[in-house]
Amino acid sequence: MTKKEQEKLVSTGEMLPLMEEFYTIQGEGFYKGTAAYFIRIGGCDVGCHWCDVKESWDAEKHPPSLTSTIVKKALDNSKTVVVTGGEPLMWNMSPITKAIKQGGGKTHIETSGAFEVTGDWDWFCLSPKKNKLPTLEAYKRANELKVIVYNKHDFKFAEEQAAKVGEDCILYLQPEWSVRDKMIPLMVDYVMQNPKWKISLQTHKYLNIP
């Protein structure tokens, strides 16, 4: 396949810059503790300084893979498929979600919501970032809002974001891993005073799994 042919397939979502894929336990949010197959797509320009997968940012480092092949491998392992990144919405997600659903799978996404929403999602985890805010459609689609808490100002940011999602959206505060010991006590106090929020922890890191 020529590079031009590859680029065309990437533009339509028939190929995606696959960084990694693995079967594990969902560590965060509403589905924590649930077995799921993760598909990590390369490419992100949101640029969070505390990102723990900075190697995902440059899509050029992750050769395009056929979406059909990615989906087949995923469904061979699990019917719950989580698409994450990087920032998956930089790419056309319609082909991958269609293929997952045709195979009897459930489609989950973890996204900053900063790009146009494509794809048919059973669960939409929105994790907004200050330097590139979500689109209006992303706020509408969110089943769960997950705000990363790195400093005290993030509580204010969390409330601003919560005001933009639907009333049925589940609200989570999650400590940034490197400052968790400092922020968790503040988060506990905050949630006790503001019980509409729940605390999400990166339990997969405590379990020492991907």
N, C-alpha and C. Protein backbone atom coordinates (compact mmCIF):
# COMPACT_ATOMS: atom_id res chain seq x y z
N MET A 1 0.84 -1.20 0.00
CA MET A 1 0.00 0.00 0.00
C MET A 1 0.88 1.25 0.00
N THR A 2 0.57 2.19 -0.86
CA THR A 2 1.36 3.41 -0.94
C THR A 2 1.01 4.34 0.22
N LYS A 3 1.88 5.31 0.48
CA LYS A 3 1.63 6.26 1.56
C LYS A 3 0.38 7.07 1.27
N LYS A 4 0.16 7.40 0.00
CA LYS A 4 -1.02 8.17 -0.37
C LYS A 4 -2.30 7.38 -0.09
N GLU A 5 -2.26 6.08 -0.41
CA GLU A 5 -3.42 5.22 -0.14
C GLU A 5 -3.67 5.12 1.37
N GLN A 6 -2.57 5.02 2.12
CA GLN A 6 -2.69 4.97 3.58
C GLN A 6 -3.33 6.24 4.12
N GLU A 7 -2.85 7.37 3.63
CA GLU A 7 -3.36 8.66 4.10
C GLU A 7 -4.85 8.80 3.83
N LYS A 8 -5.29 8.28 2.68
CA LYS A 8 -6.71 8.35 2.34
C LYS A 8 -7.53 7.51 3.31
N LEU A 9 -7.04 6.32 3.64
CA LEU A 9 -7.76 5.44 4.57
C LEU A 9 -7.77 6.03 5.98
N VAL A 10 -6.68 6.68 6.37
CA VAL A 10 -6.64 7.34 7.67
C VAL A 10 -7.66 8.47 7.72
N SER A 11 -7.77 9.20 6.64
CA SER A 11 -8.69 10.35 6.60
C SER A 11 -10.15 9.92 6.74
N THR A 12 -10.46 8.70 6.34
CA THR A 12 -11.83 8.20 6.45
C THR A 12 -12.06 7.35 7.70
N GLY A 13 -10.99 7.09 8.45
CA GLY A 13 -11.10 6.28 9.65
C GLY A 13 -10.99 4.79 9.40
N GLU A 14 -10.69 4.39 8.15
CA GLU A 14 -10.53 2.96 7.83
C GLU A 14 -9.16 2.44 8.30
N MET A 15 -8.25 3.37 8.56
CA MET A 15 -6.99 3.05 9.22
C MET A 15 -6.81 4.08 10.34
N LEU A 16 -6.12 3.68 11.41
CA LEU A 16 -5.89 4.57 12.54
C LEU A 16 -4.45 4.40 13.05
N PRO A 17 -3.85 5.50 13.54
CA PRO A 17 -2.49 5.40 14.08
C PRO A 17 -2.50 4.72 15.45
N LEU A 18 -2.40 3.41 15.44
CA LEU A 18 -2.51 2.62 16.67
C LEU A 18 -1.21 2.70 17.47
N MET A 19 -1.31 3.18 18.70
CA MET A 19 -0.15 3.23 19.58
C MET A 19 0.03 1.91 20.33
N GLU A 20 -1.06 1.47 20.94
CA GLU A 20 -1.01 0.21 21.68
C GLU A 20 -2.43 -0.30 21.89
N GLU A 21 -2.54 -1.57 22.21
CA GLU A 21 -3.83 -2.21 22.49
C GLU A 21 -3.59 -3.29 23.53
N PHE A 22 -4.53 -3.41 24.46
CA PHE A 22 -4.31 -4.38 25.53
C PHE A 22 -5.63 -4.68 26.24
N TYR A 23 -5.71 -5.88 26.78
CA TYR A 23 -6.87 -6.33 27.55
C TYR A 23 -6.52 -6.19 29.03
N THR A 24 -7.35 -5.48 29.78
CA THR A 24 -7.02 -5.21 31.18
C THR A 24 -8.30 -4.92 31.96
N ILE A 25 -8.14 -4.31 33.11
CA ILE A 25 -9.26 -3.89 33.95
C ILE A 25 -9.36 -2.37 33.88
N GLN A 26 -10.56 -1.86 33.60
CA GLN A 26 -10.75 -0.41 33.61
C GLN A 26 -10.46 0.11 35.00
N GLY A 27 -9.56 1.08 35.08
CA GLY A 27 -9.12 1.55 36.39
C GLY A 27 -9.81 2.80 36.89
N GLU A 28 -10.56 3.50 36.02
CA GLU A 28 -11.07 4.81 36.38
C GLU A 28 -12.57 4.94 36.12
N GLY A 29 -13.18 5.88 36.82
CA GLY A 29 -14.55 6.28 36.51
C GLY A 29 -15.61 5.24 36.81
N PHE A 30 -16.72 5.37 36.11
CA PHE A 30 -17.92 4.58 36.38
C PHE A 30 -17.70 3.08 36.21
N TYR A 31 -16.89 2.70 35.22
CA TYR A 31 -16.70 1.28 34.91
C TYR A 31 -15.44 0.69 35.56
N LYS A 32 -14.89 1.37 36.56
CA LYS A 32 -13.68 0.85 37.20
C LYS A 32 -13.94 -0.56 37.73
N GLY A 33 -12.94 -1.41 37.57
CA GLY A 33 -13.06 -2.80 38.01
C GLY A 33 -13.61 -3.74 36.96
N THR A 34 -13.99 -3.19 35.79
CA THR A 34 -14.57 -3.97 34.71
C THR A 34 -13.52 -4.37 33.69
N ALA A 35 -13.54 -5.62 33.26
CA ALA A 35 -12.62 -6.06 32.21
C ALA A 35 -12.96 -5.35 30.90
N ALA A 36 -11.94 -4.88 30.20
CA ALA A 36 -12.18 -4.15 28.95
C ALA A 36 -10.94 -4.22 28.07
N TYR A 37 -11.16 -4.07 26.78
CA TYR A 37 -10.06 -4.03 25.82
C TYR A 37 -9.82 -2.57 25.44
N PHE A 38 -8.59 -2.13 25.62
CA PHE A 38 -8.23 -0.73 25.36
C PHE A 38 -7.52 -0.59 24.02
N ILE A 39 -7.95 0.39 23.25
CA ILE A 39 -7.31 0.76 21.99
C ILE A 39 -6.82 2.20 22.15
N ARG A 40 -5.49 2.37 22.18
CA ARG A 40 -4.91 3.70 22.36
C ARG A 40 -4.47 4.24 21.00
N ILE A 41 -5.12 5.32 20.58
CA ILE A 41 -4.85 5.93 19.29
C ILE A 41 -3.83 7.06 19.45
N GLY A 42 -2.82 7.09 18.57
CA GLY A 42 -1.81 8.13 18.62
C GLY A 42 -2.33 9.45 18.07
N GLY A 43 -1.71 10.52 18.53
CA GLY A 43 -2.06 11.86 18.06
C GLY A 43 -2.80 12.66 19.12
N CYS A 44 -2.21 13.79 19.55
CA CYS A 44 -2.89 14.69 20.47
C CYS A 44 -2.15 16.02 20.46
N ASP A 45 -2.91 17.11 20.38
CA ASP A 45 -2.28 18.43 20.44
C ASP A 45 -2.83 19.25 21.60
N VAL A 46 -3.49 18.58 22.55
CA VAL A 46 -4.02 19.29 23.71
C VAL A 46 -2.89 19.70 24.65
N GLY A 47 -1.90 18.81 24.81
CA GLY A 47 -0.64 19.17 25.47
C GLY A 47 -0.68 19.37 26.97
N CYS A 48 -1.32 18.49 27.71
CA CYS A 48 -1.32 18.60 29.17
C CYS A 48 0.09 18.32 29.71
N HIS A 49 0.59 19.23 30.53
CA HIS A 49 1.97 19.07 31.01
C HIS A 49 2.15 17.85 31.89
N TRP A 50 1.06 17.38 32.52
CA TRP A 50 1.16 16.23 33.41
C TRP A 50 0.73 14.92 32.74
N CYS A 51 0.52 14.94 31.45
CA CYS A 51 0.09 13.74 30.72
C CYS A 51 1.05 12.58 30.98
N ASP A 52 0.50 11.40 31.26
CA ASP A 52 1.36 10.24 31.53
C ASP A 52 1.58 9.36 30.30
N VAL A 53 1.08 9.81 29.15
CA VAL A 53 1.34 9.09 27.89
C VAL A 53 1.75 10.09 26.80
N LYS A 54 2.76 10.90 27.12
CA LYS A 54 3.22 11.90 26.15
C LYS A 54 3.72 11.27 24.86
N GLU A 55 4.14 10.00 24.93
CA GLU A 55 4.60 9.30 23.73
C GLU A 55 3.47 9.10 22.72
N SER A 56 2.24 9.35 23.15
CA SER A 56 1.09 9.21 22.23
C SER A 56 0.89 10.46 21.38
N TRP A 57 1.51 11.57 21.74
CA TRP A 57 1.19 12.85 21.11
C TRP A 57 1.48 12.89 19.61
N ASP A 58 2.61 12.33 19.21
CA ASP A 58 3.03 12.41 17.81
C ASP A 58 2.47 11.22 17.03
N ALA A 59 1.45 11.45 16.23
CA ALA A 59 0.81 10.37 15.48
C ALA A 59 1.77 9.73 14.49
N GLU A 60 2.75 10.48 14.03
CA GLU A 60 3.71 9.96 13.04
C GLU A 60 4.52 8.79 13.60
N LYS A 61 4.62 8.71 14.90
CA LYS A 61 5.39 7.63 15.53
C LYS A 61 4.60 6.32 15.60
N HIS A 62 3.33 6.39 15.23
CA HIS A 62 2.47 5.21 15.36
C HIS A 62 1.87 4.87 14.00
N PRO A 63 2.44 3.88 13.31
CA PRO A 63 2.03 3.55 11.95
C PRO A 63 0.54 3.21 11.86
N PRO A 64 -0.12 3.63 10.79
CA PRO A 64 -1.55 3.34 10.61
C PRO A 64 -1.81 1.83 10.54
N SER A 65 -2.85 1.41 11.22
CA SER A 65 -3.29 0.02 11.21
C SER A 65 -4.71 -0.03 10.69
N LEU A 66 -5.05 -1.11 10.00
CA LEU A 66 -6.40 -1.26 9.50
C LEU A 66 -7.39 -1.34 10.66
N THR A 67 -8.41 -0.52 10.61
CA THR A 67 -9.41 -0.48 11.67
C THR A 67 -10.10 -1.83 11.83
N SER A 68 -10.37 -2.50 10.74
CA SER A 68 -11.03 -3.81 10.79
C SER A 68 -10.19 -4.82 11.58
N THR A 69 -8.87 -4.76 11.40
CA THR A 69 -7.97 -5.67 12.12
C THR A 69 -7.93 -5.35 13.60
N ILE A 70 -7.89 -4.06 13.92
CA ILE A 70 -7.91 -3.62 15.31
C ILE A 70 -9.16 -4.12 16.01
N VAL A 71 -10.30 -3.96 15.36
CA VAL A 71 -11.58 -4.34 15.96
C VAL A 71 -11.69 -5.84 16.15
N LYS A 72 -11.24 -6.60 15.16
CA LYS A 72 -11.31 -8.07 15.27
C LYS A 72 -10.54 -8.55 16.49
N LYS A 73 -9.34 -8.02 16.67
CA LYS A 73 -8.52 -8.42 17.81
C LYS A 73 -9.18 -8.01 19.12
N ALA A 74 -9.77 -6.83 19.13
CA ALA A 74 -10.43 -6.36 20.35
C ALA A 74 -11.58 -7.28 20.74
N LEU A 75 -12.44 -7.59 19.77
CA LEU A 75 -13.63 -8.39 20.07
C LEU A 75 -13.31 -9.84 20.36
N ASP A 76 -12.14 -10.29 19.94
CA ASP A 76 -11.69 -11.64 20.31
C ASP A 76 -11.38 -11.72 21.80
N ASN A 77 -11.17 -10.54 22.42
CA ASN A 77 -10.80 -10.50 23.84
C ASN A 77 -11.92 -10.02 24.75
N SER A 78 -12.73 -9.07 24.27
CA SER A 78 -13.74 -8.47 25.14
C SER A 78 -14.85 -7.84 24.32
N LYS A 79 -16.03 -7.79 24.89
CA LYS A 79 -17.15 -7.10 24.25
C LYS A 79 -17.24 -5.64 24.72
N THR A 80 -16.41 -5.26 25.68
CA THR A 80 -16.32 -3.87 26.10
C THR A 80 -15.02 -3.30 25.56
N VAL A 81 -15.14 -2.32 24.67
CA VAL A 81 -13.95 -1.78 23.99
C VAL A 81 -13.84 -0.29 24.29
N VAL A 82 -12.71 0.09 24.87
CA VAL A 82 -12.47 1.48 25.24
C VAL A 82 -11.47 2.09 24.27
N VAL A 83 -11.89 3.16 23.59
CA VAL A 83 -10.99 3.87 22.68
C VAL A 83 -10.48 5.11 23.39
N THR A 84 -9.15 5.22 23.48
CA THR A 84 -8.54 6.31 24.20
C THR A 84 -7.34 6.82 23.43
N GLY A 85 -6.53 7.65 24.04
CA GLY A 85 -5.40 8.23 23.30
C GLY A 85 -4.28 8.63 24.22
N GLY A 86 -3.51 9.62 23.77
CA GLY A 86 -3.81 10.52 22.67
C GLY A 86 -5.20 11.15 22.79
N GLU A 87 -5.62 11.65 21.67
CA GLU A 87 -6.96 12.21 21.55
C GLU A 87 -7.67 11.56 20.38
N PRO A 88 -8.52 10.55 20.65
CA PRO A 88 -9.13 9.78 19.56
C PRO A 88 -10.01 10.59 18.62
N LEU A 89 -10.61 11.67 19.12
CA LEU A 89 -11.51 12.44 18.26
C LEU A 89 -10.78 13.30 17.22
N MET A 90 -9.46 13.22 17.20
CA MET A 90 -8.72 13.84 16.10
C MET A 90 -8.96 13.08 14.81
N TRP A 91 -9.48 11.85 14.95
CA TRP A 91 -9.68 10.96 13.80
C TRP A 91 -11.16 10.65 13.65
N ASN A 92 -11.55 10.15 12.49
CA ASN A 92 -12.94 9.75 12.25
C ASN A 92 -13.22 8.43 12.97
N MET A 93 -14.04 8.51 13.98
CA MET A 93 -14.33 7.34 14.81
C MET A 93 -15.54 6.52 14.34
N SER A 94 -16.20 6.98 13.27
CA SER A 94 -17.41 6.28 12.81
C SER A 94 -17.13 4.84 12.37
N PRO A 95 -16.10 4.57 11.56
CA PRO A 95 -15.85 3.19 11.14
C PRO A 95 -15.54 2.24 12.30
N ILE A 96 -14.77 2.70 13.28
CA ILE A 96 -14.39 1.79 14.36
C ILE A 96 -15.59 1.49 15.26
N THR A 97 -16.43 2.48 15.54
CA THR A 97 -17.59 2.19 16.39
C THR A 97 -18.62 1.34 15.65
N LYS A 98 -18.77 1.56 14.36
CA LYS A 98 -19.70 0.74 13.57
C LYS A 98 -19.27 -0.72 13.58
N ALA A 99 -17.97 -0.95 13.40
CA ALA A 99 -17.45 -2.32 13.37
C ALA A 99 -17.57 -3.00 14.73
N ILE A 100 -17.31 -2.26 15.79
CA ILE A 100 -17.43 -2.82 17.13
C ILE A 100 -18.88 -3.22 17.41
N LYS A 101 -19.81 -2.35 17.06
CA LYS A 101 -21.22 -2.65 17.31
C LYS A 101 -21.73 -3.79 16.45
N GLN A 102 -21.27 -3.84 15.20
CA GLN A 102 -21.66 -4.95 14.34
C GLN A 102 -21.17 -6.28 14.88
N GLY A 103 -20.06 -6.23 15.62
CA GLY A 103 -19.51 -7.44 16.23
C GLY A 103 -20.09 -7.74 17.60
N GLY A 104 -21.08 -6.96 18.02
CA GLY A 104 -21.73 -7.21 19.30
C GLY A 104 -21.06 -6.56 20.49
N GLY A 105 -20.14 -5.63 20.23
CA GLY A 105 -19.42 -4.98 21.31
C GLY A 105 -20.05 -3.68 21.77
N LYS A 106 -19.59 -3.21 22.92
CA LYS A 106 -19.99 -1.92 23.48
C LYS A 106 -18.85 -0.93 23.27
N THR A 107 -19.20 0.28 22.85
CA THR A 107 -18.20 1.29 22.52
C THR A 107 -18.08 2.32 23.64
N HIS A 108 -16.86 2.45 24.18
CA HIS A 108 -16.58 3.46 25.20
C HIS A 108 -15.46 4.36 24.66
N ILE A 109 -15.52 5.64 25.00
CA ILE A 109 -14.45 6.55 24.61
C ILE A 109 -14.02 7.37 25.82
N GLU A 110 -12.72 7.67 25.86
CA GLU A 110 -12.16 8.60 26.84
C GLU A 110 -11.54 9.74 26.04
N THR A 111 -12.05 10.95 26.22
CA THR A 111 -11.67 12.05 25.35
C THR A 111 -11.69 13.39 26.08
N SER A 112 -10.88 14.32 25.57
CA SER A 112 -10.93 15.69 26.07
C SER A 112 -12.13 16.42 25.48
N GLY A 113 -12.71 15.87 24.41
CA GLY A 113 -13.86 16.49 23.77
C GLY A 113 -13.54 17.73 22.97
N ALA A 114 -12.25 17.96 22.70
CA ALA A 114 -11.84 19.21 22.05
C ALA A 114 -12.04 19.21 20.53
N PHE A 115 -12.42 18.08 19.96
CA PHE A 115 -12.61 17.98 18.52
C PHE A 115 -14.04 17.53 18.21
N GLU A 116 -14.40 17.64 16.95
CA GLU A 116 -15.74 17.21 16.52
C GLU A 116 -16.01 15.77 16.95
N VAL A 117 -17.18 15.55 17.50
CA VAL A 117 -17.54 14.20 17.94
C VAL A 117 -17.98 13.36 16.75
N THR A 118 -17.28 12.25 16.53
CA THR A 118 -17.68 11.27 15.53
C THR A 118 -17.80 9.92 16.23
N GLY A 119 -18.54 9.01 15.62
CA GLY A 119 -18.70 7.69 16.21
C GLY A 119 -19.99 7.55 17.01
N ASP A 120 -20.39 6.32 17.20
CA ASP A 120 -21.60 5.96 17.95
C ASP A 120 -21.17 5.33 19.26
N TRP A 121 -21.33 6.07 20.37
CA TRP A 121 -20.75 5.66 21.64
C TRP A 121 -21.80 5.22 22.65
N ASP A 122 -21.54 4.06 23.27
CA ASP A 122 -22.40 3.60 24.35
C ASP A 122 -22.05 4.31 25.66
N TRP A 123 -20.79 4.71 25.80
CA TRP A 123 -20.37 5.42 27.01
C TRP A 123 -19.34 6.47 26.63
N PHE A 124 -19.60 7.70 27.05
CA PHE A 124 -18.77 8.85 26.65
C PHE A 124 -18.18 9.47 27.90
N CYS A 125 -16.89 9.22 28.12
CA CYS A 125 -16.18 9.80 29.26
C CYS A 125 -15.48 11.07 28.79
N LEU A 126 -15.94 12.20 29.31
CA LEU A 126 -15.37 13.50 28.94
C LEU A 126 -14.42 13.97 30.03
N SER A 127 -13.16 14.20 29.64
CA SER A 127 -12.16 14.69 30.57
C SER A 127 -11.59 16.00 30.02
N PRO A 128 -12.25 17.12 30.32
CA PRO A 128 -11.88 18.40 29.71
C PRO A 128 -10.55 18.94 30.20
N LYS A 129 -9.89 19.69 29.34
CA LYS A 129 -8.61 20.30 29.66
C LYS A 129 -8.70 21.81 29.47
N LYS A 130 -8.04 22.55 30.35
CA LYS A 130 -8.17 24.00 30.36
C LYS A 130 -7.67 24.66 29.08
N ASN A 131 -6.59 24.08 28.50
CA ASN A 131 -5.96 24.75 27.35
C ASN A 131 -6.64 24.44 26.02
N LYS A 132 -7.66 23.55 26.02
CA LYS A 132 -8.42 23.30 24.80
C LYS A 132 -9.76 22.70 25.22
N LEU A 133 -10.74 23.56 25.38
CA LEU A 133 -12.01 23.14 25.97
C LEU A 133 -12.86 22.28 25.03
N PRO A 134 -13.77 21.50 25.58
CA PRO A 134 -14.63 20.63 24.76
C PRO A 134 -15.58 21.43 23.86
N THR A 135 -16.06 20.75 22.84
CA THR A 135 -17.09 21.30 21.98
C THR A 135 -18.45 21.19 22.69
N LEU A 136 -19.42 21.93 22.22
CA LEU A 136 -20.75 21.87 22.81
C LEU A 136 -21.33 20.46 22.69
N GLU A 137 -21.07 19.81 21.56
CA GLU A 137 -21.58 18.44 21.35
C GLU A 137 -20.99 17.48 22.37
N ALA A 138 -19.71 17.65 22.70
CA ALA A 138 -19.06 16.76 23.68
C ALA A 138 -19.72 16.91 25.05
N TYR A 139 -20.01 18.14 25.44
CA TYR A 139 -20.72 18.34 26.72
C TYR A 139 -22.07 17.63 26.71
N LYS A 140 -22.78 17.73 25.61
CA LYS A 140 -24.10 17.11 25.51
C LYS A 140 -24.02 15.58 25.57
N ARG A 141 -22.97 15.03 24.99
CA ARG A 141 -22.85 13.57 24.89
C ARG A 141 -22.31 12.91 26.15
N ALA A 142 -21.72 13.69 27.04
CA ALA A 142 -20.99 13.11 28.18
C ALA A 142 -21.89 12.30 29.11
N ASN A 143 -21.51 11.05 29.33
CA ASN A 143 -22.14 10.22 30.35
C ASN A 143 -21.45 10.40 31.69
N GLU A 144 -20.14 10.64 31.63
CA GLU A 144 -19.40 10.97 32.84
C GLU A 144 -18.42 12.09 32.54
N LEU A 145 -18.28 12.97 33.53
CA LEU A 145 -17.32 14.07 33.46
C LEU A 145 -16.21 13.74 34.44
N LYS A 146 -14.99 13.69 33.96
CA LYS A 146 -13.85 13.35 34.82
C LYS A 146 -12.85 14.50 34.77
N VAL A 147 -12.76 15.23 35.86
CA VAL A 147 -11.85 16.37 35.93
C VAL A 147 -10.63 15.99 36.74
N ILE A 148 -9.47 16.18 36.14
CA ILE A 148 -8.21 15.86 36.81
C ILE A 148 -7.84 17.01 37.75
N VAL A 149 -7.55 16.67 39.00
CA VAL A 149 -7.23 17.69 40.01
C VAL A 149 -5.71 17.70 40.24
N TYR A 150 -5.09 18.78 39.78
CA TYR A 150 -3.64 18.96 39.93
C TYR A 150 -3.33 20.02 40.97
N ASN A 151 -4.22 21.01 41.09
CA ASN A 151 -4.05 22.07 42.08
C ASN A 151 -5.43 22.56 42.53
N LYS A 152 -5.43 23.49 43.46
CA LYS A 152 -6.71 23.95 44.05
C LYS A 152 -7.61 24.63 43.02
N HIS A 153 -7.04 25.27 42.04
CA HIS A 153 -7.85 25.96 41.03
C HIS A 153 -8.71 24.98 40.24
N ASP A 154 -8.29 23.73 40.21
CA ASP A 154 -9.03 22.73 39.42
C ASP A 154 -10.43 22.47 39.97
N PHE A 155 -10.66 22.77 41.25
CA PHE A 155 -12.01 22.63 41.79
C PHE A 155 -12.95 23.66 41.14
N LYS A 156 -12.46 24.87 40.95
CA LYS A 156 -13.24 25.91 40.27
C LYS A 156 -13.50 25.51 38.82
N PHE A 157 -12.45 25.01 38.17
CA PHE A 157 -12.57 24.56 36.78
C PHE A 157 -13.60 23.43 36.69
N ALA A 158 -13.57 22.53 37.66
CA ALA A 158 -14.51 21.40 37.67
C ALA A 158 -15.95 21.89 37.73
N GLU A 159 -16.22 22.87 38.56
CA GLU A 159 -17.58 23.39 38.67
C GLU A 159 -18.01 24.07 37.37
N GLU A 160 -17.09 24.79 36.73
CA GLU A 160 -17.40 25.42 35.45
C GLU A 160 -17.78 24.38 34.41
N GLN A 161 -17.06 23.27 34.41
CA GLN A 161 -17.33 22.21 33.44
C GLN A 161 -18.61 21.46 33.77
N ALA A 162 -18.87 21.26 35.04
CA ALA A 162 -20.09 20.55 35.46
C ALA A 162 -21.35 21.32 35.06
N ALA A 163 -21.24 22.64 34.99
CA ALA A 163 -22.39 23.47 34.62
C ALA A 163 -22.76 23.30 33.15
N LYS A 164 -21.88 22.68 32.36
CA LYS A 164 -22.09 22.59 30.91
C LYS A 164 -22.58 21.21 30.46
N VAL A 165 -22.53 20.21 31.33
CA VAL A 165 -22.96 18.87 30.94
C VAL A 165 -24.42 18.64 31.34
N GLY A 166 -25.01 17.55 30.85
CA GLY A 166 -26.39 17.24 31.16
C GLY A 166 -26.58 16.85 32.61
N GLU A 167 -27.82 16.92 33.08
CA GLU A 167 -28.09 16.66 34.49
C GLU A 167 -27.88 15.21 34.89
N ASP A 168 -27.89 14.29 33.90
CA ASP A 168 -27.67 12.88 34.21
C ASP A 168 -26.19 12.48 34.16
N CYS A 169 -25.33 13.41 33.80
CA CYS A 169 -23.90 13.11 33.71
C CYS A 169 -23.33 12.89 35.11
N ILE A 170 -22.56 11.83 35.27
CA ILE A 170 -21.94 11.51 36.55
C ILE A 170 -20.64 12.31 36.68
N LEU A 171 -20.45 12.95 37.84
CA LEU A 171 -19.34 13.87 38.03
C LEU A 171 -18.23 13.24 38.87
N TYR A 172 -17.01 13.24 38.33
CA TYR A 172 -15.87 12.67 39.02
C TYR A 172 -14.73 13.67 39.13
N LEU A 173 -14.08 13.65 40.28
CA LEU A 173 -12.81 14.34 40.48
C LEU A 173 -11.74 13.26 40.62
N GLN A 174 -10.65 13.42 39.90
CA GLN A 174 -9.58 12.41 39.94
C GLN A 174 -8.24 13.09 40.17
N PRO A 175 -7.51 12.69 41.20
CA PRO A 175 -6.22 13.34 41.46
C PRO A 175 -5.19 13.00 40.38
N GLU A 176 -4.43 14.01 39.98
CA GLU A 176 -3.30 13.74 39.09
C GLU A 176 -2.31 12.91 39.89
N TRP A 177 -1.83 11.83 39.27
CA TRP A 177 -1.10 10.78 39.99
C TRP A 177 0.09 11.32 40.78
N SER A 178 0.85 12.23 40.21
CA SER A 178 2.10 12.68 40.85
C SER A 178 1.84 13.53 42.10
N VAL A 179 0.63 14.07 42.26
CA VAL A 179 0.32 14.90 43.43
C VAL A 179 -0.83 14.31 44.24
N ARG A 180 -1.08 13.01 44.07
CA ARG A 180 -2.24 12.40 44.70
C ARG A 180 -2.21 12.51 46.23
N ASP A 181 -1.05 12.34 46.85
CA ASP A 181 -0.99 12.39 48.31
C ASP A 181 -1.34 13.78 48.83
N LYS A 182 -1.04 14.80 48.06
CA LYS A 182 -1.34 16.18 48.44
C LYS A 182 -2.80 16.53 48.18
N MET A 183 -3.34 16.05 47.05
CA MET A 183 -4.66 16.49 46.63
C MET A 183 -5.81 15.64 47.18
N ILE A 184 -5.57 14.37 47.46
CA ILE A 184 -6.67 13.51 47.92
C ILE A 184 -7.35 14.04 49.18
N PRO A 185 -6.60 14.48 50.22
CA PRO A 185 -7.31 15.02 51.39
C PRO A 185 -8.20 16.22 51.05
N LEU A 186 -7.74 17.09 50.14
CA LEU A 186 -8.54 18.24 49.72
C LEU A 186 -9.78 17.77 48.96
N MET A 187 -9.62 16.73 48.14
CA MET A 187 -10.74 16.20 47.37
C MET A 187 -11.78 15.55 48.28
N VAL A 188 -11.32 14.85 49.29
CA VAL A 188 -12.25 14.22 50.24
C VAL A 188 -13.10 15.29 50.92
N ASP A 189 -12.46 16.35 51.39
CA ASP A 189 -13.20 17.44 52.02
C ASP A 189 -14.18 18.08 51.04
N TYR A 190 -13.72 18.27 49.79
CA TYR A 190 -14.55 18.93 48.79
C TYR A 190 -15.80 18.11 48.48
N VAL A 191 -15.62 16.81 48.29
CA VAL A 191 -16.76 15.95 47.94
C VAL A 191 -17.74 15.84 49.10
N MET A 192 -17.22 15.85 50.31
CA MET A 192 -18.12 15.81 51.47
C MET A 192 -18.97 17.08 51.55
N GLN A 193 -18.40 18.19 51.11
CA GLN A 193 -19.14 19.45 51.09
C GLN A 193 -19.98 19.61 49.82
N ASN A 194 -19.61 18.88 48.78
CA ASN A 194 -20.30 18.97 47.48
C ASN A 194 -20.59 17.55 46.97
N PRO A 195 -21.57 16.88 47.57
CA PRO A 195 -21.78 15.44 47.33
C PRO A 195 -22.30 15.07 45.94
N LYS A 196 -22.52 16.07 45.07
CA LYS A 196 -22.85 15.71 43.68
C LYS A 196 -21.63 15.09 42.99
N TRP A 197 -20.44 15.34 43.54
CA TRP A 197 -19.20 14.81 42.99
C TRP A 197 -18.84 13.47 43.61
N LYS A 198 -18.13 12.64 42.84
CA LYS A 198 -17.55 11.40 43.34
C LYS A 198 -16.04 11.46 43.11
N ILE A 199 -15.30 10.64 43.83
CA ILE A 199 -13.86 10.57 43.64
C ILE A 199 -13.53 9.36 42.78
N SER A 200 -12.72 9.59 41.76
CA SER A 200 -12.19 8.51 40.93
C SER A 200 -10.69 8.42 41.18
N LEU A 201 -10.21 7.20 41.38
CA LEU A 201 -8.77 6.97 41.56
C LEU A 201 -8.27 6.09 40.42
N GLN A 202 -7.01 6.25 40.08
CA GLN A 202 -6.43 5.40 39.03
C GLN A 202 -6.08 4.05 39.64
N THR A 203 -7.12 3.24 39.85
CA THR A 203 -6.93 1.98 40.58
C THR A 203 -6.01 1.02 39.84
N HIS A 204 -5.92 1.14 38.52
CA HIS A 204 -5.03 0.25 37.77
C HIS A 204 -3.57 0.47 38.16
N LYS A 205 -3.23 1.69 38.59
CA LYS A 205 -1.86 1.95 39.02
C LYS A 205 -1.59 1.33 40.38
N TYR A 206 -2.61 1.33 41.25
CA TYR A 206 -2.47 0.64 42.52
C TYR A 206 -2.38 -0.87 42.33
N LEU A 207 -3.08 -1.37 41.31
CA LEU A 207 -3.07 -2.80 41.02
C LEU A 207 -1.85 -3.22 40.20
N ASN A 208 -1.11 -2.22 39.72
CA ASN A 208 0.08 -2.46 38.90
C ASN A 208 -0.24 -3.24 37.63
N ILE A 209 -1.30 -2.75 36.94
CA ILE A 209 -1.69 -3.33 35.65
C ILE A 209 -1.78 -2.19 34.63
N PRO A 210 -1.79 -2.49 33.33
CA PRO A 210 -1.84 -1.42 32.32
C PRO A 210 -3.08 -0.54 32.45
